[in-house]
Amino acid sequence: MSALRRKISEKIWGGRTPAEVLSKRFKIFVLITIVLAGISKLLYLRGILPANVELIIPTLIVVGSLSLYCGPTKFWRRATRYFGLLVLVAIAAIDLVFWGPRSIFVFTWSGFILCWLLAMRHKLSMFDKFKSLLWRTTLTAAAAIIVFDLYTGVLGWSLMTGTGLLTVFLSQIPFTLYHLCSLLFVPPLVGLAKAMVKVKVPVPVAIAVKSGVEVQTS
């Protein structure tokens, strides 16, 4: 049974080369973040989490900011640029199932795309120091939340209700401050990314040969 478990673990988690292991783990990391974003949306719909404390924007920013290697083929090289769309598809599906078509979704979904594009401006290496990654992704996530709220909460709501921009802006401030609490999710996401790249790499070691030692050859 232990041999079977090792074989299954190797199949899912391991690989023949460090590059293969990394590509596999990057895919697992992205899959985990998509599931977490979907769960946070479901928890909000169930009333367990407040609407403005969510994993969607932190997920889009962390995944979008990192330079992910998921394989040498053209398909995977292109797919890494559109992983954020998988998150958006999952969220859109949940919205439509629970709420049905609504005009506000035009702003929320396109707002998430703006967050993804903002994250894609970075090409951060997952091998960078944790503090460096955390600082840059947190700052980007904070900017994304503010842009998202201005776009959806202020512009979108003003256009849909006919309310003045200033009135909507002032009423949006406390919600945006509350929304910034979602930044608490950035450190564990970055920490998970760092944990996924801990791959053993064989390194040749030079061994000094003492003078006077006779080396025999056959």
C-alpha atoms as a PDB file:
ATOM      1  CA  MET A   1       0.000   0.000   0.000  1.00  0.00           C
ATOM      2  CA  SER A   2       2.845   2.417   0.824  1.00  0.00           C
ATOM      3  CA  ALA A   3       4.449   1.682  -2.553  1.00  0.00           C
ATOM      4  CA  LEU A   4       1.122   2.476  -4.270  1.00  0.00           C
ATOM      5  CA  ARG A   5       0.827   5.748  -2.363  1.00  0.00           C
ATOM      6  CA  ARG A   6       4.368   6.730  -3.375  1.00  0.00           C
ATOM      7  CA  LYS A   7       3.567   5.914  -7.002  1.00  0.00           C
ATOM      8  CA  ILE A   8       0.389   8.029  -6.935  1.00  0.00           C
ATOM      9  CA  SER A   9       2.213  10.881  -5.182  1.00  0.00           C
ATOM     10  CA  GLU A  10       4.987  10.754  -7.776  1.00  0.00           C
ATOM     11  CA  LYS A  11       2.430  10.793 -10.586  1.00  0.00           C
ATOM     12  CA  ILE A  12       0.602  13.855  -9.221  1.00  0.00           C
ATOM     13  CA  TRP A  13       3.376  15.766  -7.487  1.00  0.00           C
ATOM     14  CA  GLY A  14       6.676  14.612  -8.993  1.00  0.00           C
ATOM     15  CA  GLY A  15       8.374  14.317 -12.361  1.00  0.00           C
ATOM     16  CA  ARG A  16      11.465  13.105 -14.175  1.00  0.00           C
ATOM     17  CA  THR A  17      13.207  16.499 -14.181  1.00  0.00           C
ATOM     18  CA  PRO A  18      13.031  19.620 -11.953  1.00  0.00           C
ATOM     19  CA  ALA A  19      11.412  21.534 -14.845  1.00  0.00           C
ATOM     20  CA  GLU A  20       8.695  18.905 -15.159  1.00  0.00           C
ATOM     21  CA  VAL A  21       8.070  18.991 -11.407  1.00  0.00           C
ATOM     22  CA  LEU A  22       7.804  22.785 -11.428  1.00  0.00           C
ATOM     23  CA  SER A  23       5.399  22.890 -14.357  1.00  0.00           C
ATOM     24  CA  LYS A  24       3.201  20.320 -12.640  1.00  0.00           C
ATOM     25  CA  ARG A  25       3.197  22.205  -9.350  1.00  0.00           C
ATOM     26  CA  PHE A  26       2.444  25.537 -11.027  1.00  0.00           C
ATOM     27  CA  LYS A  27      -0.651  23.986 -12.583  1.00  0.00           C
ATOM     28  CA  ILE A  28      -1.709  22.609  -9.201  1.00  0.00           C
ATOM     29  CA  PHE A  29      -1.153  26.047  -7.636  1.00  0.00           C
ATOM     30  CA  VAL A  30      -3.386  27.738 -10.227  1.00  0.00           C
ATOM     31  CA  LEU A  31      -6.062  25.068  -9.791  1.00  0.00           C
ATOM     32  CA  ILE A  32      -6.031  25.569  -6.022  1.00  0.00           C
ATOM     33  CA  THR A  33      -6.409  29.354  -6.370  1.00  0.00           C
ATOM     34  CA  ILE A  34      -9.348  28.944  -8.789  1.00  0.00           C
ATOM     35  CA  VAL A  35     -11.086  26.613  -6.329  1.00  0.00           C
ATOM     36  CA  LEU A  36     -10.437  29.003  -3.431  1.00  0.00           C
ATOM     37  CA  ALA A  37     -11.864  31.954  -5.383  1.00  0.00           C
ATOM     38  CA  GLY A  38     -14.968  29.958  -6.216  1.00  0.00           C
ATOM     39  CA  ILE A  39     -15.368  28.845  -2.594  1.00  0.00           C
ATOM     40  CA  SER A  40     -15.111  32.437  -1.341  1.00  0.00           C
ATOM     41  CA  LYS A  41     -17.894  33.423  -3.759  1.00  0.00           C
ATOM     42  CA  LEU A  42     -20.083  30.564  -2.546  1.00  0.00           C
ATOM     43  CA  LEU A  43     -19.417  31.452   1.100  1.00  0.00           C
ATOM     44  CA  TYR A  44     -20.559  35.014   0.386  1.00  0.00           C
ATOM     45  CA  LEU A  45     -23.722  33.786  -1.323  1.00  0.00           C
ATOM     46  CA  ARG A  46     -24.428  31.622   1.712  1.00  0.00           C
ATOM     47  CA  GLY A  47     -23.995  34.623   4.000  1.00  0.00           C
ATOM     48  CA  ILE A  48     -20.901  33.194   5.715  1.00  0.00           C
ATOM     49  CA  LEU A  49     -18.484  35.801   4.330  1.00  0.00           C
ATOM     50  CA  PRO A  50     -19.286  39.490   3.795  1.00  0.00           C
ATOM     51  CA  ALA A  51     -19.397  40.622   0.171  1.00  0.00           C
ATOM     52  CA  ASN A  52     -16.358  42.884   0.386  1.00  0.00           C
ATOM     53  CA  VAL A  53     -13.996  40.355   1.977  1.00  0.00           C
ATOM     54  CA  GLU A  54     -13.204  38.073  -0.936  1.00  0.00           C
ATOM     55  CA  LEU A  55     -10.480  35.988  -2.519  1.00  0.00           C
ATOM     56  CA  ILE A  56     -11.225  36.795  -6.146  1.00  0.00           C
ATOM     57  CA  ILE A  57      -9.120  39.946  -6.620  1.00  0.00           C
ATOM     58  CA  PRO A  58      -6.209  38.684  -4.441  1.00  0.00           C
ATOM     59  CA  THR A  59      -6.222  35.468  -6.495  1.00  0.00           C
ATOM     60  CA  LEU A  60      -6.227  37.326  -9.813  1.00  0.00           C
ATOM     61  CA  ILE A  61      -3.386  39.581  -8.675  1.00  0.00           C
ATOM     62  CA  VAL A  62      -1.133  36.901  -7.188  1.00  0.00           C
ATOM     63  CA  VAL A  63      -1.565  34.454 -10.078  1.00  0.00           C
ATOM     64  CA  GLY A  64      -1.394  37.186 -12.733  1.00  0.00           C
ATOM     65  CA  SER A  65       1.701  38.831 -11.260  1.00  0.00           C
ATOM     66  CA  LEU A  66       3.796  35.671 -11.202  1.00  0.00           C
ATOM     67  CA  SER A  67       5.769  34.297 -14.117  1.00  0.00           C
ATOM     68  CA  LEU A  68       4.572  30.691 -14.261  1.00  0.00           C
ATOM     69  CA  TYR A  69       6.301  27.928 -16.207  1.00  0.00           C
ATOM     70  CA  CYS A  70       3.748  25.239 -17.009  1.00  0.00           C
ATOM     71  CA  GLY A  71       5.500  23.419 -19.802  1.00  0.00           C
ATOM     72  CA  PRO A  72       7.594  23.902 -22.951  1.00  0.00           C
ATOM     73  CA  THR A  73       4.746  23.647 -25.484  1.00  0.00           C
ATOM     74  CA  LYS A  74       3.157  26.657 -27.175  1.00  0.00           C
ATOM     75  CA  PHE A  75      -0.199  25.729 -25.663  1.00  0.00           C
ATOM     76  CA  TRP A  76       1.037  26.056 -22.086  1.00  0.00           C
ATOM     77  CA  ARG A  77       3.103  29.158 -22.832  1.00  0.00           C
ATOM     78  CA  ARG A  78      -0.046  30.865 -24.105  1.00  0.00           C
ATOM     79  CA  ALA A  79      -2.319  29.356 -21.469  1.00  0.00           C
ATOM     80  CA  THR A  80      -0.343  30.928 -18.631  1.00  0.00           C
ATOM     81  CA  ARG A  81      -1.405  34.353 -19.922  1.00  0.00           C
ATOM     82  CA  TYR A  82      -5.079  33.452 -19.655  1.00  0.00           C
ATOM     83  CA  PHE A  83      -5.292  31.550 -16.395  1.00  0.00           C
ATOM     84  CA  GLY A  84      -7.082  34.544 -14.877  1.00  0.00           C
ATOM     85  CA  LEU A  85      -9.912  34.010 -17.328  1.00  0.00           C
ATOM     86  CA  LEU A  86     -10.533  30.598 -15.745  1.00  0.00           C
ATOM     87  CA  VAL A  87     -11.187  32.359 -12.441  1.00  0.00           C
ATOM     88  CA  LEU A  88     -13.547  34.764 -14.205  1.00  0.00           C
ATOM     89  CA  VAL A  89     -15.406  31.911 -15.916  1.00  0.00           C
ATOM     90  CA  ALA A  90     -15.883  30.169 -12.566  1.00  0.00           C
ATOM     91  CA  ILE A  91     -17.183  33.356 -10.921  1.00  0.00           C
ATOM     92  CA  ALA A  92     -19.448  34.178 -13.882  1.00  0.00           C
ATOM     93  CA  ALA A  93     -20.941  30.675 -13.787  1.00  0.00           C
ATOM     94  CA  ILE A  94     -21.676  30.981 -10.060  1.00  0.00           C
ATOM     95  CA  ASP A  95     -23.225  34.443 -10.544  1.00  0.00           C
ATOM     96  CA  LEU A  96     -25.504  33.242 -13.329  1.00  0.00           C
ATOM     97  CA  VAL A  97     -26.607  30.128 -11.425  1.00  0.00           C
ATOM     98  CA  PHE A  98     -27.476  32.019  -8.238  1.00  0.00           C
ATOM     99  CA  TRP A  99     -28.628  35.396  -9.590  1.00  0.00           C
ATOM    100  CA  GLY A 100     -29.407  34.958 -13.270  1.00  0.00           C
ATOM    101  CA  PRO A 101     -28.445  37.625 -15.838  1.00  0.00           C
ATOM    102  CA  ARG A 102     -28.047  41.092 -14.304  1.00  0.00           C
ATOM    103  CA  SER A 103     -26.844  44.331 -15.849  1.00  0.00           C
ATOM    104  CA  ILE A 104     -24.384  44.992 -13.005  1.00  0.00           C
ATOM    105  CA  PHE A 105     -22.418  41.910 -14.089  1.00  0.00           C
ATOM    106  CA  VAL A 106     -21.207  43.887 -17.112  1.00  0.00           C
ATOM    107  CA  PHE A 107     -19.259  46.089 -14.702  1.00  0.00           C
ATOM    108  CA  THR A 108     -18.179  43.444 -12.165  1.00  0.00           C
ATOM    109  CA  TRP A 109     -16.882  40.964 -14.739  1.00  0.00           C
ATOM    110  CA  SER A 110     -15.111  43.611 -16.802  1.00  0.00           C
ATOM    111  CA  GLY A 111     -13.783  45.027 -13.505  1.00  0.00           C
ATOM    112  CA  PHE A 112     -12.177  41.663 -12.740  1.00  0.00           C
ATOM    113  CA  ILE A 113     -10.616  41.715 -16.214  1.00  0.00           C
ATOM    114  CA  LEU A 114      -9.117  45.143 -15.388  1.00  0.00           C
ATOM    115  CA  CYS A 115      -7.606  43.628 -12.226  1.00  0.00           C
ATOM    116  CA  TRP A 116      -6.141  40.760 -14.274  1.00  0.00           C
ATOM    117  CA  LEU A 117      -4.617  43.149 -16.815  1.00  0.00           C
ATOM    118  CA  LEU A 118      -3.144  45.196 -13.969  1.00  0.00           C
ATOM    119  CA  ALA A 119      -1.540  42.062 -12.528  1.00  0.00           C
ATOM    120  CA  MET A 120      -0.196  40.991 -15.921  1.00  0.00           C
ATOM    121  CA  ARG A 121       1.997  44.100 -16.020  1.00  0.00           C
ATOM    122  CA  HIS A 122       4.285  42.246 -13.593  1.00  0.00           C
ATOM    123  CA  LYS A 123       6.477  39.279 -14.388  1.00  0.00           C
ATOM    124  CA  LEU A 124       7.568  38.335 -10.891  1.00  0.00           C
ATOM    125  CA  SER A 125       9.645  35.226 -10.344  1.00  0.00           C
ATOM    126  CA  MET A 126       8.345  32.766  -7.766  1.00  0.00           C
ATOM    127  CA  PHE A 127      11.996  32.307  -6.780  1.00  0.00           C
ATOM    128  CA  ASP A 128      12.262  35.911  -5.572  1.00  0.00           C
ATOM    129  CA  LYS A 129      12.375  36.562  -1.836  1.00  0.00           C
ATOM    130  CA  PHE A 130       9.059  36.224  -0.039  1.00  0.00           C
ATOM    131  CA  LYS A 131       9.139  39.809   1.267  1.00  0.00           C
ATOM    132  CA  SER A 132       9.719  41.216  -2.207  1.00  0.00           C
ATOM    133  CA  LEU A 133       6.879  39.188  -3.722  1.00  0.00           C
ATOM    134  CA  LEU A 134       4.563  40.024  -0.845  1.00  0.00           C
ATOM    135  CA  TRP A 135       5.239  43.748  -1.046  1.00  0.00           C
ATOM    136  CA  ARG A 136       4.666  44.024  -4.787  1.00  0.00           C
ATOM    137  CA  THR A 137       1.601  41.777  -4.944  1.00  0.00           C
ATOM    138  CA  THR A 138      -0.010  43.452  -1.917  1.00  0.00           C
ATOM    139  CA  LEU A 139       0.540  46.918  -3.387  1.00  0.00           C
ATOM    140  CA  THR A 140      -0.885  45.779  -6.736  1.00  0.00           C
ATOM    141  CA  ALA A 141      -3.863  44.112  -5.037  1.00  0.00           C
ATOM    142  CA  ALA A 142      -4.617  47.307  -3.101  1.00  0.00           C
ATOM    143  CA  ALA A 143      -4.519  49.344  -6.314  1.00  0.00           C
ATOM    144  CA  ALA A 144      -6.709  46.757  -8.060  1.00  0.00           C
ATOM    145  CA  ILE A 145      -9.328  46.881  -5.296  1.00  0.00           C
ATOM    146  CA  ILE A 146      -9.495  50.677  -5.488  1.00  0.00           C
ATOM    147  CA  VAL A 147      -9.747  50.641  -9.296  1.00  0.00           C
ATOM    148  CA  PHE A 148     -12.393  47.904  -9.164  1.00  0.00           C
ATOM    149  CA  ASP A 149     -14.511  49.796  -6.631  1.00  0.00           C
ATOM    150  CA  LEU A 150     -14.240  53.085  -8.528  1.00  0.00           C
ATOM    151  CA  TYR A 151     -15.220  51.365 -11.758  1.00  0.00           C
ATOM    152  CA  THR A 152     -18.034  49.129 -10.475  1.00  0.00           C
ATOM    153  CA  GLY A 153     -19.191  50.824  -7.284  1.00  0.00           C
ATOM    154  CA  VAL A 154     -18.956  54.441  -8.389  1.00  0.00           C
ATOM    155  CA  LEU A 155     -19.144  54.618 -12.185  1.00  0.00           C
ATOM    156  CA  GLY A 156     -21.285  51.509 -12.653  1.00  0.00           C
ATOM    157  CA  TRP A 157     -23.767  52.297  -9.891  1.00  0.00           C
ATOM    158  CA  SER A 158     -24.015  55.945 -10.926  1.00  0.00           C
ATOM    159  CA  LEU A 159     -24.835  55.016 -14.535  1.00  0.00           C
ATOM    160  CA  MET A 160     -27.345  52.358 -13.519  1.00  0.00           C
ATOM    161  CA  THR A 161     -29.231  54.437 -10.926  1.00  0.00           C
ATOM    162  CA  GLY A 162     -28.728  57.968 -12.252  1.00  0.00           C
ATOM    163  CA  THR A 163     -27.253  59.058  -8.913  1.00  0.00           C
ATOM    164  CA  GLY A 164     -24.585  61.767  -8.938  1.00  0.00           C
ATOM    165  CA  LEU A 165     -20.978  60.596  -9.038  1.00  0.00           C
ATOM    166  CA  LEU A 166     -20.027  62.567  -5.914  1.00  0.00           C
ATOM    167  CA  THR A 167     -22.858  61.065  -3.893  1.00  0.00           C
ATOM    168  CA  VAL A 168     -21.998  57.536  -4.981  1.00  0.00           C
ATOM    169  CA  PHE A 169     -18.287  58.150  -4.386  1.00  0.00           C
ATOM    170  CA  LEU A 170     -18.829  59.324  -0.805  1.00  0.00           C
ATOM    171  CA  SER A 171     -21.093  56.384  -0.019  1.00  0.00           C
ATOM    172  CA  GLN A 172     -18.571  53.980  -1.544  1.00  0.00           C
ATOM    173  CA  ILE A 173     -15.649  55.011   0.705  1.00  0.00           C
ATOM    174  CA  PRO A 174     -16.531  52.809   3.735  1.00  0.00           C
ATOM    175  CA  PHE A 175     -17.203  49.815   1.478  1.00  0.00           C
ATOM    176  CA  THR A 176     -13.811  50.241  -0.216  1.00  0.00           C
ATOM    177  CA  LEU A 177     -12.037  50.495   3.144  1.00  0.00           C
ATOM    178  CA  TYR A 178     -13.792  47.286   4.147  1.00  0.00           C
ATOM    179  CA  HIS A 179     -12.893  45.729   0.782  1.00  0.00           C
ATOM    180  CA  LEU A 180      -9.213  46.380   1.481  1.00  0.00           C
ATOM    181  CA  CYS A 181      -9.472  43.787   4.265  1.00  0.00           C
ATOM    182  CA  SER A 182      -9.247  41.250   1.425  1.00  0.00           C
ATOM    183  CA  LEU A 183      -5.516  42.002   1.363  1.00  0.00           C
ATOM    184  CA  LEU A 184      -5.275  39.603   4.311  1.00  0.00           C
ATOM    185  CA  PHE A 185      -5.520  36.787   1.778  1.00  0.00           C
ATOM    186  CA  VAL A 186      -2.437  37.894  -0.177  1.00  0.00           C
ATOM    187  CA  PRO A 187       0.263  36.608   2.262  1.00  0.00           C
ATOM    188  CA  PRO A 188      -1.059  33.016   2.406  1.00  0.00           C
ATOM    189  CA  LEU A 189      -1.422  32.938  -1.396  1.00  0.00           C
ATOM    190  CA  VAL A 190       2.154  34.152  -1.872  1.00  0.00           C
ATOM    191  CA  GLY A 191       3.316  31.716   0.816  1.00  0.00           C
ATOM    192  CA  LEU A 192       1.580  28.865  -1.009  1.00  0.00           C
ATOM    193  CA  ALA A 193       3.281  29.886  -4.255  1.00  0.00           C
ATOM    194  CA  LYS A 194       6.683  29.898  -2.546  1.00  0.00           C
ATOM    195  CA  ALA A 195       6.042  26.494  -0.983  1.00  0.00           C
ATOM    196  CA  MET A 196       5.180  25.011  -4.381  1.00  0.00           C
ATOM    197  CA  VAL A 197       8.584  25.876  -5.878  1.00  0.00           C
ATOM    198  CA  LYS A 198      10.633  24.053  -3.270  1.00  0.00           C
ATOM    199  CA  VAL A 199      11.984  21.479  -5.695  1.00  0.00           C
ATOM    200  CA  LYS A 200      15.131  19.437  -5.165  1.00  0.00           C
ATOM    201  CA  VAL A 201      17.672  20.162  -7.875  1.00  0.00           C
ATOM    202  CA  PRO A 202      20.736  17.911  -8.264  1.00  0.00           C
ATOM    203  CA  VAL A 203      23.905  19.987  -8.022  1.00  0.00           C
ATOM    204  CA  PRO A 204      27.343  18.618  -8.951  1.00  0.00           C
ATOM    205  CA  VAL A 205      29.834  18.937  -6.117  1.00  0.00           C
ATOM    206  CA  ALA A 206      33.524  19.421  -6.768  1.00  0.00           C
ATOM    207  CA  ILE A 207      35.737  17.203  -4.602  1.00  0.00           C
ATOM    208  CA  ALA A 208      39.303  18.317  -4.008  1.00  0.00           C
ATOM    209  CA  VAL A 209      41.930  15.611  -4.514  1.00  0.00           C
ATOM    210  CA  LYS A 210      44.761  15.737  -1.994  1.00  0.00           C
ATOM    211  CA  SER A 211      48.269  15.852  -3.377  1.00  0.00           C
ATOM    212  CA  GLY A 212      50.159  12.622  -3.091  1.00  0.00           C
ATOM    213  CA  VAL A 213      47.053  10.478  -3.523  1.00  0.00           C
ATOM    214  CA  GLU A 214      47.514   8.004  -6.294  1.00  0.00           C
ATOM    215  CA  VAL A 215      44.534   7.576  -8.606  1.00  0.00           C
ATOM    216  CA  GLN A 216      44.324   4.132 -10.135  1.00  0.00           C
ATOM    217  CA  THR A 217      42.689   3.570 -13.481  1.00  0.00           C
ATOM    218  CA  SER A 218      41.576   0.300 -14.889  1.00  0.00           C
END
